[in-house]
Protein backbone atom coordinates (compact mmCIF):
# COMPACT_ATOMS: atom_id res chain seq x y z
CA UNK A 1 47.46 -36.48 35.82
CA UNK A 2 48.17 -40.04 36.03
CA UNK A 3 47.31 -42.45 32.78
CA UNK A 4 44.76 -44.19 34.87
CA UNK A 5 43.38 -41.40 36.15
CA UNK A 6 42.76 -39.56 31.88
CA UNK A 7 41.83 -43.13 31.00
CA UNK A 8 38.70 -42.76 33.31
CA UNK A 9 38.14 -38.94 33.09
CA UNK A 10 34.45 -37.39 32.21
CA UNK A 11 36.38 -35.10 30.40
CA UNK A 12 34.87 -35.29 26.73
CA UNK A 13 38.32 -35.77 24.67
CA UNK A 14 36.73 -37.60 21.99
CA UNK A 15 34.25 -34.95 21.29
CA UNK A 16 36.58 -32.48 20.89
CA UNK A 17 38.78 -34.45 18.67
CA UNK A 18 35.66 -35.15 16.11
CA UNK A 19 33.59 -31.63 16.57
CA UNK A 20 36.54 -29.17 16.79
CA UNK A 21 37.79 -29.70 13.24
CA UNK A 22 34.12 -29.63 12.25
CA UNK A 23 33.60 -26.81 13.75
CA UNK A 24 36.35 -25.43 12.83
CA UNK A 25 35.37 -26.39 9.12
CA UNK A 26 32.01 -24.56 9.77
CA UNK A 27 33.83 -21.29 10.79
CA UNK A 28 36.15 -21.28 7.50
CA UNK A 29 32.98 -21.57 5.18
CA UNK A 30 31.42 -18.67 7.26
CA UNK A 31 34.57 -16.26 7.71
CA UNK A 32 36.64 -17.54 4.83
CA UNK A 33 36.71 -16.03 1.10
CA UNK A 34 38.82 -16.12 -2.04
CA UNK A 35 39.13 -12.17 -1.58
CA UNK A 36 41.04 -12.92 1.94
CA UNK A 37 43.21 -16.12 1.08
CA UNK A 38 45.88 -15.60 3.92
CA UNK A 39 43.22 -14.82 6.37
CA UNK A 40 41.20 -18.19 4.84
CA UNK A 41 44.56 -20.31 5.13
CA UNK A 42 45.69 -18.93 8.41
CA UNK A 43 42.19 -19.74 10.52
CA UNK A 44 42.15 -23.48 8.51
CA UNK A 45 45.70 -24.57 10.05
CA UNK A 46 44.45 -23.25 13.24
CA UNK A 47 41.59 -25.37 13.11
CA UNK A 48 43.50 -28.22 11.76
CA UNK A 49 46.32 -27.96 14.51
CA UNK A 50 43.29 -27.12 17.45
CA UNK A 51 41.81 -30.36 15.91
CA UNK A 52 45.31 -32.22 16.20
CA UNK A 53 46.28 -30.88 19.81
CA UNK A 54 42.94 -31.99 21.36
CA UNK A 55 43.93 -35.47 20.49
CA UNK A 56 47.09 -35.71 22.41
CA UNK A 57 45.21 -36.10 25.63
CA UNK A 58 44.35 -39.24 24.21
CA UNK A 59 47.89 -40.51 23.63
CA UNK A 60 49.45 -39.24 27.22
CA UNK A 61 46.39 -40.49 29.26
CA UNK A 62 45.56 -43.79 27.72
CA UNK A 63 46.27 -46.91 29.80
CA UNK A 64 48.08 -49.40 27.37
CA UNK A 65 47.60 -52.24 30.09
CA UNK A 66 44.27 -53.24 30.05
CA UNK A 67 41.73 -53.64 26.48
CA UNK A 68 39.13 -52.19 27.96
CA UNK A 69 37.46 -49.10 26.14
CA UNK A 70 38.84 -45.83 27.52
CA UNK A 71 37.45 -42.32 27.15
CA UNK A 72 34.27 -43.62 26.77
CA UNK A 73 31.47 -41.11 26.53
CA UNK A 74 27.72 -42.09 26.48
CA UNK A 75 24.50 -40.30 26.03
CA UNK A 76 20.92 -41.14 24.37
CA UNK A 77 20.59 -40.02 20.77
CA UNK A 78 17.73 -41.84 19.17
CA UNK A 79 15.33 -43.24 21.97
CA UNK A 80 12.99 -44.95 19.56
CA UNK A 81 15.66 -47.08 18.33
CA UNK A 82 17.84 -47.07 21.57
CA UNK A 83 20.57 -45.22 19.40
CA UNK A 84 23.54 -43.62 21.66
CA UNK A 85 26.10 -41.67 20.98
CA UNK A 86 28.36 -43.89 22.64
CA UNK A 87 32.45 -42.90 21.99
CA UNK A 88 35.42 -44.65 22.96
CA UNK A 89 38.80 -45.86 22.14
CA UNK A 90 41.14 -48.76 22.85
CA UNK A 91 45.13 -49.60 21.73
CA UNK A 92 43.74 -50.26 18.23
CA UNK A 93 41.73 -47.37 17.49
CA UNK A 94 43.82 -44.62 19.19
CA UNK A 95 46.44 -44.74 16.63
CA UNK A 96 43.86 -43.72 13.57
CA UNK A 97 42.28 -41.25 15.62
CA UNK A 98 45.84 -39.33 16.07
CA UNK A 99 46.60 -40.64 12.46
CA UNK A 100 43.89 -38.41 11.13
CA UNK A 101 44.73 -35.74 12.85
CA UNK A 102 48.16 -35.32 12.21
CA UNK A 103 47.12 -35.68 8.67
CA UNK A 104 44.73 -32.98 8.37
CA UNK A 105 47.25 -30.10 9.43
CA UNK A 106 50.01 -32.20 6.31
CA UNK A 107 47.28 -31.23 3.88
CA UNK A 108 45.97 -27.82 4.91
CA UNK A 109 49.96 -26.59 4.83
CA UNK A 110 49.89 -28.76 1.18
CA UNK A 111 46.97 -26.57 -0.07
CA UNK A 112 48.46 -23.56 1.39
CA UNK A 113 49.49 -22.50 -2.11
CA UNK A 114 48.61 -24.33 -4.64
CA UNK A 115 44.79 -24.01 -4.18
CA UNK A 116 43.93 -20.29 -5.49
CA UNK A 117 40.11 -21.01 -5.94
CA UNK A 118 36.98 -21.84 -3.51
CA UNK A 119 39.57 -21.36 -0.89
CA UNK A 120 37.44 -21.76 2.03
CA UNK A 121 35.17 -24.40 0.42
CA UNK A 122 38.41 -26.78 0.18
CA UNK A 123 40.03 -26.26 3.15
CA UNK A 124 36.79 -27.09 5.51
CA UNK A 125 35.94 -29.71 3.11
CA UNK A 126 39.04 -31.60 5.08
CA UNK A 127 38.57 -30.25 8.51
CA UNK A 128 35.17 -31.63 8.64
CA UNK A 129 35.95 -34.79 6.61
CA UNK A 130 39.01 -35.09 9.40
CA UNK A 131 36.43 -34.86 12.33
CA UNK A 132 33.96 -37.89 10.78
CA UNK A 133 37.28 -40.04 10.42
CA UNK A 134 37.62 -39.54 13.70
CA UNK A 135 34.14 -40.57 14.64
CA UNK A 136 34.47 -43.60 12.92
CA UNK A 137 37.25 -44.88 14.58
CA UNK A 138 35.60 -43.74 17.93
CA UNK A 139 32.25 -44.99 17.70
CA UNK A 140 30.66 -47.70 19.41
CA UNK A 141 27.58 -47.44 18.71
CA UNK A 142 26.77 -49.40 15.24
CA UNK A 143 24.37 -46.71 13.92
CA UNK A 144 26.46 -43.88 15.39
CA UNK A 145 29.57 -45.29 13.31
CA UNK A 146 27.40 -46.01 10.07
CA UNK A 147 26.30 -42.38 9.96
CA UNK A 148 29.95 -41.31 10.48
CA UNK A 149 31.28 -44.04 7.67
CA UNK A 150 28.71 -42.80 5.06
CA UNK A 151 29.19 -38.98 6.09
CA UNK A 152 32.68 -39.19 5.18
CA UNK A 153 31.65 -39.86 1.22
CA UNK A 154 30.22 -36.47 0.74
CA UNK A 155 33.44 -34.25 1.91
CA UNK A 156 35.84 -36.44 -0.26
CA UNK A 157 33.36 -36.46 -3.01
CA UNK A 158 33.18 -32.91 -3.39
CA UNK A 159 36.73 -32.76 -2.82
CA UNK A 160 37.55 -34.67 -6.29
CA UNK A 161 34.32 -33.64 -8.15
CA UNK A 162 35.24 -29.78 -7.59
CA UNK A 163 39.36 -29.65 -7.43
CA UNK A 164 40.31 -32.83 -9.36
CA UNK A 165 41.63 -33.18 -12.58
CA UNK A 166 39.59 -33.17 -16.52
CA UNK A 167 38.38 -36.60 -15.66
CA UNK A 168 36.99 -35.69 -12.08
CA UNK A 169 33.03 -35.85 -12.05
CA UNK A 170 33.19 -39.42 -13.34
CA UNK A 171 36.21 -40.23 -10.68
CA UNK A 172 34.08 -38.86 -7.88
CA UNK A 173 30.69 -40.71 -9.19
CA UNK A 174 32.74 -43.81 -9.03
CA UNK A 175 34.14 -43.53 -5.80
CA UNK A 176 31.02 -42.41 -4.33
CA UNK A 177 28.68 -45.15 -6.04
CA UNK A 178 30.95 -48.02 -5.27
CA UNK A 179 31.29 -47.19 -1.49
CA UNK A 180 27.84 -46.44 -1.09
CA UNK A 181 26.40 -49.55 -2.73
CA UNK A 182 28.82 -51.83 -0.61
CA UNK A 183 27.85 -50.18 2.94
CA UNK A 184 23.51 -50.96 2.00
CA UNK A 185 24.50 -54.32 3.20
CA UNK A 186 26.27 -53.38 5.95
CA UNK A 187 23.12 -51.60 7.16
CA UNK A 188 21.13 -54.45 6.82
CA UNK A 189 23.49 -56.82 8.78
CA UNK A 190 23.42 -54.06 11.48
CA UNK A 191 19.77 -54.14 11.71
CA UNK A 192 19.84 -57.60 12.22
CA UNK A 193 22.36 -57.46 14.73
CA UNK A 194 19.84 -54.48 16.75
CA UNK A 195 17.41 -57.51 16.55
CA UNK A 196 19.62 -60.26 17.55
CA UNK A 197 20.97 -57.85 20.76
CA UNK A 198 17.05 -57.36 21.87
CA UNK A 199 17.44 -53.82 20.25
CA UNK A 200 20.67 -52.82 20.84
CA UNK A 201 23.34 -51.17 18.71
CA UNK A 202 25.99 -51.47 21.28
CA UNK A 203 29.26 -52.52 19.30
CA UNK A 204 30.33 -54.42 22.52
CA UNK A 205 26.97 -56.49 23.16
CA UNK A 206 27.07 -57.04 19.32
CA UNK A 207 30.47 -58.80 19.95
CA UNK A 208 29.21 -61.21 23.12
CA UNK A 209 26.38 -62.43 20.52
CA UNK A 210 25.75 -66.14 20.41
CA UNK A 211 25.49 -66.34 16.56
CA UNK A 212 24.66 -69.70 14.37
CA UNK A 213 27.46 -70.35 12.02
CA UNK A 214 25.17 -69.17 8.50
CA UNK A 215 23.68 -66.17 10.32
CA UNK A 216 27.54 -65.46 10.69
CA UNK A 217 29.01 -66.49 7.28
CA UNK A 218 26.19 -64.35 5.69
CA UNK A 219 26.82 -60.96 8.44
CA UNK A 220 30.62 -61.13 7.37
CA UNK A 221 29.75 -61.26 3.69
CA UNK A 222 27.31 -58.51 4.11
CA UNK A 223 30.19 -56.60 6.17
CA UNK A 224 32.61 -57.69 3.48
CA UNK A 225 30.89 -55.59 1.08
CA UNK A 226 31.54 -52.47 2.42
CA UNK A 227 34.79 -53.19 4.01
CA UNK A 228 36.41 -54.95 0.84
CA UNK A 229 35.98 -51.52 -1.31
CA UNK A 230 36.80 -49.37 1.18
CA UNK A 231 40.34 -50.95 1.68
CA UNK A 232 40.24 -51.73 -1.42
CA UNK A 233 40.78 -55.24 -1.85
CA UNK A 234 40.82 -56.96 -5.18
CA UNK A 235 38.82 -57.38 -7.38
CA UNK A 236 36.77 -54.06 -6.01
CA UNK A 237 39.61 -52.03 -6.24
CA UNK A 238 39.15 -50.10 -9.83
CA UNK A 239 37.56 -47.30 -8.34
CA UNK A 240 40.92 -46.51 -6.48
CA UNK A 241 43.02 -45.35 -9.20
CA UNK A 242 40.67 -43.50 -10.96
CA UNK A 243 40.27 -40.87 -7.69
CA UNK A 244 43.44 -40.56 -7.61
CA UNK A 245 44.54 -39.49 -10.09
CA UNK A 246 41.87 -37.28 -10.36
CA UNK A 247 41.83 -36.15 -6.69
CA UNK A 248 43.92 -32.99 -5.98
CA UNK A 249 47.43 -33.71 -3.99
CA UNK A 250 45.25 -33.35 -0.45
CA UNK A 251 42.47 -35.53 -1.38
CA UNK A 252 45.12 -38.19 -2.62
CA UNK A 253 46.92 -38.23 0.74
CA UNK A 254 43.80 -38.12 2.78
CA UNK A 255 42.36 -40.96 0.74
CA UNK A 256 45.27 -43.16 0.62
CA UNK A 257 46.31 -42.28 4.59
CA UNK A 258 43.60 -42.64 6.32
CA UNK A 259 40.21 -43.27 4.28
CA UNK A 260 41.32 -46.76 3.22
CA UNK A 261 42.05 -47.35 6.77
CA UNK A 262 38.29 -47.25 7.47
CA UNK A 263 37.67 -50.24 5.69
CA UNK A 264 40.42 -52.29 7.21
CA UNK A 265 39.36 -50.84 11.13
CA UNK A 266 36.20 -52.35 10.25
CA UNK A 267 37.15 -55.65 10.37
CA UNK A 268 38.87 -55.33 13.20
CA UNK A 269 36.05 -53.93 15.03
CA UNK A 270 32.82 -55.75 13.66
CA UNK A 271 34.00 -58.55 11.40
CA UNK A 272 36.85 -60.73 13.40
CA UNK A 273 34.86 -60.33 16.66
CA UNK A 274 31.39 -60.50 15.80
CA UNK A 275 31.98 -63.39 13.72
CA UNK A 276 34.93 -65.22 14.60
CA UNK A 277 33.49 -68.71 13.18
CA UNK A 278 32.73 -67.42 9.98
CA UNK A 279 36.03 -65.35 10.18
CA UNK A 280 38.45 -68.41 10.57
CA UNK A 281 36.38 -70.49 8.25
CA UNK A 282 36.37 -67.89 5.21
CA UNK A 283 40.16 -67.21 6.62
CA UNK A 284 41.50 -68.82 3.31
CA UNK A 285 39.33 -66.54 0.82
CA UNK A 286 40.30 -63.94 2.40
CA UNK A 287 43.94 -64.90 2.34
CA UNK A 288 43.81 -65.94 -0.94
CA UNK A 289 42.27 -62.22 -2.05
CA UNK A 290 45.10 -60.29 -0.28
CA UNK A 291 47.87 -62.57 -1.98
CA UNK A 292 45.95 -61.54 -5.50
CA UNK A 293 46.05 -57.64 -4.04
CA UNK A 294 50.21 -58.43 -2.93
CA UNK A 295 51.48 -59.72 -5.86
CA UNK A 296 49.04 -59.38 -9.19
CA UNK A 297 48.33 -55.74 -8.45
CA UNK A 298 52.07 -55.18 -7.49
CA UNK A 299 53.18 -56.49 -11.18
CA UNK A 300 50.50 -54.30 -12.38
CA UNK A 301 51.93 -50.92 -10.63
CA UNK A 302 55.07 -51.89 -12.41
CA UNK A 303 53.94 -51.13 -15.92
CA UNK A 304 52.04 -47.63 -14.80
CA UNK A 305 53.08 -44.93 -16.59
CA UNK A 306 51.01 -41.84 -14.53
CA UNK A 307 53.00 -41.64 -11.07
CA UNK A 308 49.76 -41.57 -9.20
CA UNK A 309 48.10 -44.15 -10.62
CA UNK A 310 51.70 -46.26 -9.81
CA UNK A 311 51.57 -45.04 -6.18
CA UNK A 312 47.33 -46.11 -6.10
CA UNK A 313 47.91 -49.39 -7.18
CA UNK A 314 50.86 -49.74 -4.46
CA UNK A 315 48.56 -48.76 -2.10
CA UNK A 316 46.09 -51.49 -3.02
CA UNK A 317 49.04 -53.94 -3.18
CA UNK A 318 49.98 -52.73 0.60
CA UNK A 319 46.40 -53.17 1.76
CA UNK A 320 46.61 -56.62 0.82
CA UNK A 321 49.25 -57.32 3.38
CA UNK A 322 46.92 -55.55 5.99
CA UNK A 323 43.83 -57.75 5.24
CA UNK A 324 46.42 -60.84 5.31
CA UNK A 325 47.73 -60.04 8.50
CA UNK A 326 44.05 -60.21 9.81
CA UNK A 327 43.21 -63.62 9.06
CA UNK A 328 46.86 -65.42 9.94
CA UNK A 329 44.53 -65.12 14.07
CA UNK A 330 48.17 -64.49 15.00
CA UNK A 331 49.85 -61.73 17.38
CA UNK A 332 52.86 -61.16 14.80
CA UNK A 333 50.25 -61.40 11.67
CA UNK A 334 47.49 -58.62 13.61
CA UNK A 335 50.06 -56.41 14.81
CA UNK A 336 51.98 -56.30 11.93
CA UNK A 337 49.06 -55.42 10.00
CA UNK A 338 48.03 -52.63 11.97
CA UNK A 339 51.43 -51.21 11.96
CA UNK A 340 51.66 -51.30 8.26
CA UNK A 341 47.96 -49.04 8.24
CA UNK A 342 50.20 -46.34 10.71
CA UNK A 343 52.77 -47.07 8.24
CA UNK A 344 50.93 -46.52 5.19
CA UNK A 345 49.43 -43.66 6.19
CA UNK A 346 52.80 -42.10 6.89
CA UNK A 347 54.57 -43.35 3.62
CA UNK A 348 51.92 -43.20 0.96
CA UNK A 349 50.97 -39.39 2.05
CA UNK A 350 54.56 -38.39 1.25
CA UNK A 351 54.57 -40.18 -1.86
CA UNK A 352 51.57 -38.36 -3.06
CA UNK A 353 53.12 -34.79 -1.45
CA UNK A 354 56.17 -35.67 -3.47
CA UNK A 355 54.13 -36.43 -6.62
CA UNK A 356 52.07 -32.97 -5.92
CA UNK A 357 55.58 -31.14 -5.88
CA UNK A 358 56.21 -32.20 -9.15
CA UNK A 359 52.78 -31.76 -10.80
CA UNK A 360 52.96 -28.09 -9.24
CA UNK A 361 55.88 -27.77 -11.50
CA UNK A 362 55.10 -29.46 -14.69
CA UNK A 363 51.55 -29.91 -14.34
CA UNK A 364 52.18 -33.67 -15.68
CA UNK A 365 52.27 -37.06 -13.49
CA UNK A 366 53.42 -39.01 -16.67
CA UNK A 367 56.73 -40.63 -15.32
CA UNK A 368 58.67 -39.99 -19.52
CA UNK A 369 57.57 -35.97 -18.82
CA UNK A 370 60.87 -36.24 -16.45
CA UNK A 371 64.16 -37.30 -16.05
CA UNK A 372 67.06 -36.23 -14.18
CA UNK A 373 65.07 -34.38 -11.84
CA UNK A 374 68.05 -34.27 -8.97
CA UNK A 375 70.21 -32.51 -11.47
CA UNK A 376 67.96 -29.01 -10.26
CA UNK A 377 65.77 -30.13 -7.16
CA UNK A 378 68.67 -32.41 -4.95
CA UNK A 379 66.67 -31.40 -1.80
CA UNK A 380 63.49 -32.99 -3.15
CA UNK A 381 65.10 -35.87 -4.70
CA UNK A 382 66.97 -36.55 -1.07
CA UNK A 383 63.14 -37.08 0.23
CA UNK A 384 61.62 -38.73 -2.77
CA UNK A 385 64.47 -40.83 -2.43
CA UNK A 386 63.79 -42.00 1.26
CA UNK A 387 60.06 -42.77 0.52
CA UNK A 388 60.20 -44.60 -2.16
CA UNK A 389 62.72 -46.80 -0.14
CA UNK A 390 60.03 -46.68 2.87
CA UNK A 391 57.25 -47.91 -0.28
CA UNK A 392 59.69 -50.52 -1.33
CA UNK A 393 60.12 -52.01 2.63
CA UNK A 394 63.79 -50.83 3.33
CA UNK A 395 64.82 -51.93 6.57
CA UNK A 396 64.79 -49.01 9.46
CA UNK A 397 61.93 -47.11 7.38
CA UNK A 398 58.47 -47.49 8.74
CA UNK A 399 57.54 -50.09 5.58
CA UNK A 400 59.71 -52.21 6.75
CA UNK A 401 58.22 -53.31 10.44
CA UNK A 402 54.44 -53.97 9.13
CA UNK A 403 55.55 -55.55 6.19
CA UNK A 404 58.52 -57.93 8.00
CA UNK A 405 56.11 -58.81 10.93
CA UNK A 406 53.24 -59.63 8.62
CA UNK A 407 55.69 -61.86 6.82
CA UNK A 408 56.20 -63.38 9.84
CA UNK A 409 52.76 -63.91 11.11
CA UNK A 410 52.05 -66.00 7.67
CA UNK A 411 54.85 -67.79 7.76
CA UNK A 412 53.81 -69.14 11.35
CA UNK A 413 50.35 -69.78 9.97
CA UNK A 414 51.77 -71.31 6.47
CA UNK A 415 55.35 -71.17 5.29
CA UNK A 416 53.69 -71.47 1.62
CA UNK A 417 52.06 -68.30 2.17
CA UNK A 418 54.45 -66.53 4.03
CA UNK A 419 57.03 -67.00 0.86
CA UNK A 420 54.37 -65.26 -1.49
CA UNK A 421 53.14 -62.34 0.57
CA UNK A 422 57.47 -61.77 0.81
CA UNK A 423 57.59 -61.69 -2.84
CA UNK A 424 56.11 -58.21 -2.77
CA UNK A 425 58.95 -56.63 -1.24
CA UNK A 426 60.46 -57.71 -4.75
CA UNK A 427 57.62 -56.10 -6.85
CA UNK A 428 57.63 -53.09 -4.63
CA UNK A 429 61.34 -52.02 -4.84
CA UNK A 430 60.92 -52.73 -8.35
CA UNK A 431 57.72 -50.52 -8.94
CA UNK A 432 59.19 -47.71 -6.25
CA UNK A 433 62.76 -47.63 -7.48
CA UNK A 434 61.80 -48.10 -11.36
CA UNK A 435 59.95 -45.08 -11.14
CA UNK A 436 62.13 -43.16 -8.97
CA UNK A 437 65.41 -44.23 -11.42
CA UNK A 438 63.22 -42.50 -14.69
CA UNK A 439 62.26 -39.38 -12.70
CA UNK A 440 65.17 -38.49 -10.80
CA UNK A 441 68.36 -39.99 -11.93
CA UNK A 442 70.28 -39.57 -15.26
CA UNK A 443 70.69 -36.62 -17.43
CA UNK A 444 68.22 -34.05 -17.64
CA UNK A 445 65.45 -35.40 -19.51
CA UNK A 446 64.40 -31.80 -21.00
CA UNK A 447 63.76 -27.61 -21.32
CA UNK A 448 60.82 -28.15 -18.50
CA UNK A 449 63.04 -30.16 -16.29
CA UNK A 450 65.85 -27.84 -16.53
CA UNK A 451 64.00 -24.94 -15.32
CA UNK A 452 62.08 -26.57 -12.11
CA UNK A 453 62.90 -24.94 -9.30
CA UNK A 454 64.02 -26.81 -5.71
CA UNK A 455 61.61 -27.20 -2.91
CA UNK A 456 60.32 -24.05 -1.02
CA UNK A 457 60.48 -23.84 2.79
CA UNK A 458 56.86 -24.89 2.97
CA UNK A 459 57.76 -28.04 1.19
CA UNK A 460 60.72 -28.45 2.89
CA UNK A 461 58.99 -28.66 6.37
CA UNK A 462 56.06 -30.61 5.32
CA UNK A 463 58.27 -33.55 3.65
CA UNK A 464 60.42 -33.17 6.68
CA UNK A 465 57.90 -33.70 9.34
CA UNK A 466 57.14 -37.14 7.22
CA UNK A 467 60.23 -38.01 6.92
CA UNK A 468 61.02 -38.10 10.40
CA UNK A 469 57.56 -40.23 11.16
CA UNK A 470 58.95 -42.53 8.88
CA UNK A 471 61.98 -43.08 10.00
CA UNK A 472 61.03 -42.83 13.40
CA UNK A 473 58.47 -45.56 13.43
CA UNK A 474 61.15 -47.55 11.10
CA UNK A 475 63.91 -47.39 13.96
CA UNK A 476 61.71 -47.09 17.31
CA UNK A 477 58.67 -49.15 16.66
CA UNK A 478 57.94 -50.10 20.27
CA UNK A 479 55.81 -47.09 21.19
CA UNK A 480 53.48 -48.15 18.34
CA UNK A 481 53.26 -51.29 19.21
CA UNK A 482 53.19 -51.73 23.44
CA UNK A 483 50.11 -49.61 22.83
CA UNK A 484 48.15 -51.87 20.56
CA UNK A 485 49.50 -55.23 22.19
CA UNK A 486 47.09 -55.64 24.99
CA UNK A 487 44.36 -55.04 22.89
CA UNK A 488 45.52 -56.71 20.02
CA UNK A 489 45.63 -59.89 22.34
CA UNK A 490 42.20 -59.94 23.89
CA UNK A 491 40.84 -59.25 19.73
CA UNK A 492 42.64 -63.10 19.03
CA UNK A 493 41.79 -64.64 22.62
CA UNK A 494 38.05 -63.21 21.58
CA UNK A 495 38.36 -64.64 17.56
CA UNK A 496 39.82 -68.10 19.07
CA UNK A 497 36.59 -68.90 21.11
CA UNK A 498 33.60 -70.57 18.97
CA UNK A 499 30.43 -68.77 19.54
CA UNK A 500 28.59 -71.68 18.07
C-alpha cells in the first residue's frame, strides 16, 4: 500500500496503538501471578511487542509531504458537550507514538529478572501507561487529550509508590500533586476555549480561533502551569529528582524518555498554535527560564553524589534546550528541539538503564561506592562511555544533533542567547565525564566492586538496542527530520500570523 493510500486509510491504527497495550496490561493483571513468573513476563513481553508492531504502519504509511493530520479517526463520545473520540497524527506527533511503544518493550525487558514481587501488576502498569501516553500524542479533541494526560499519572504514581525506594511514598505524592495541580488551570483554559469555539473541543478548531491579546496571555499562562511542571521547567522541577531517585529503573526510563515529553508536546499542540501572539510576547520569559535550566541546573548536576539524581538534573537541563528551541521561532530551533526530545528519550533512558545495572549488583547509586568498574565489567563500561558521551553531546551521537541544531536556531534568533545555550555543551561534558571517570576508571574501588559480574546476555541486548538507536540517529538524522519538516514549517507559518 502506498503512503498516501495508507494515510487516508480508515483502518484504526491509532486505536490499536492505544488499546493493544492497555488490553494487554489488563490481560496480564487477569492471567499473571507471582506463582507463574515466567508466564507473566512472557505475556507482558508479547503485549509490549504487539503494541510496538501496530505502530509501525503509522511510519510506513505516513505521507511526509503534507502537514494535514493523518490516520484520522472520529466518533462521538459525549454528545451533550460535543466531546469526540478524535485521533490523528502529523509529522510532529508520529515519532512520539513510535518512541513510546519502543521504550515500553525496553522497560519490560529491563524488569525481567529484577522485579520479583507483584510482577503482573508491575508489567501491567507499564503497558497501560504506554497506551495512555500514545493517546496523549494522538488526541485531537481537547477533553480526550485531558483525560489521557491526567490518566497517565495513575500508573506512574503506582510504579513509584509501590516498587520505589525507601522514600517512595513521599516522591509519589510530590509527583502526583505537582502535576495534578498544574493541570487544573489547563482544564479552565480548555473550558474557556470550548465556549469561544461555540461548544467545540476540536483542537484544530481551537487553532483557528480569533482571540484578543489578554485572553491569549491568560490561556498561555494557564497551559504553562501544566506543561512547565511536566517538562519540567525551572523552578517547578523539584519533583523530578525525587521521583527519579525513588522510582525503579523502568519507572525512571519511562519518566525521562516519554513522560517529560508530554509537557513539551503540549506547547507544540496547544500553546504555540492557539496563542501565537502571547507566545511571541512572552518568548523572552520562556527563553530566560530555559537558559536558567540549561546553565544553573547543569551546575547543580555537577555536584551530585547520587548517579540517578545527577542524570535527573541533566534531564532538566536537556529539556531546557527543548523549550528554548520552541521559542526562537525558526526552523532550526523547532526541528532541533523535537530531535532533542527524541534523542533525550534514547540517551536518558539508556543512562538510567546503565545505573540500574550497577544498582542491581551493589544496591547503591552513590558515585563514591564505585571506582574501577572497567576492570571487572569491560562490556558494560563500553556502553556506559557511549551513553555518557551522548549525554554530553558528542558528535555522531543523537545527543549532538538536537543540541547543535537548537544552538544554531538560537544564534539565528540572537547571538548572545546562542552563546549562553552553547555553555551547556561544556557543562554536559563536565557532569557526564566527571561521573564516568569516578565510577568506571582508575583502580578497583573496593571488594564489592571486585566481585561485580559483567553484563548478562539480556542486559547486553537491551543496551545494544539503545546504542544502535543513539548512533543511528547521530549519524543519519535525516529520516527523523524529513518526517517532521513540513509539519514544523506549517506550525511556524501559523505562529507567525497574528490573531489580533
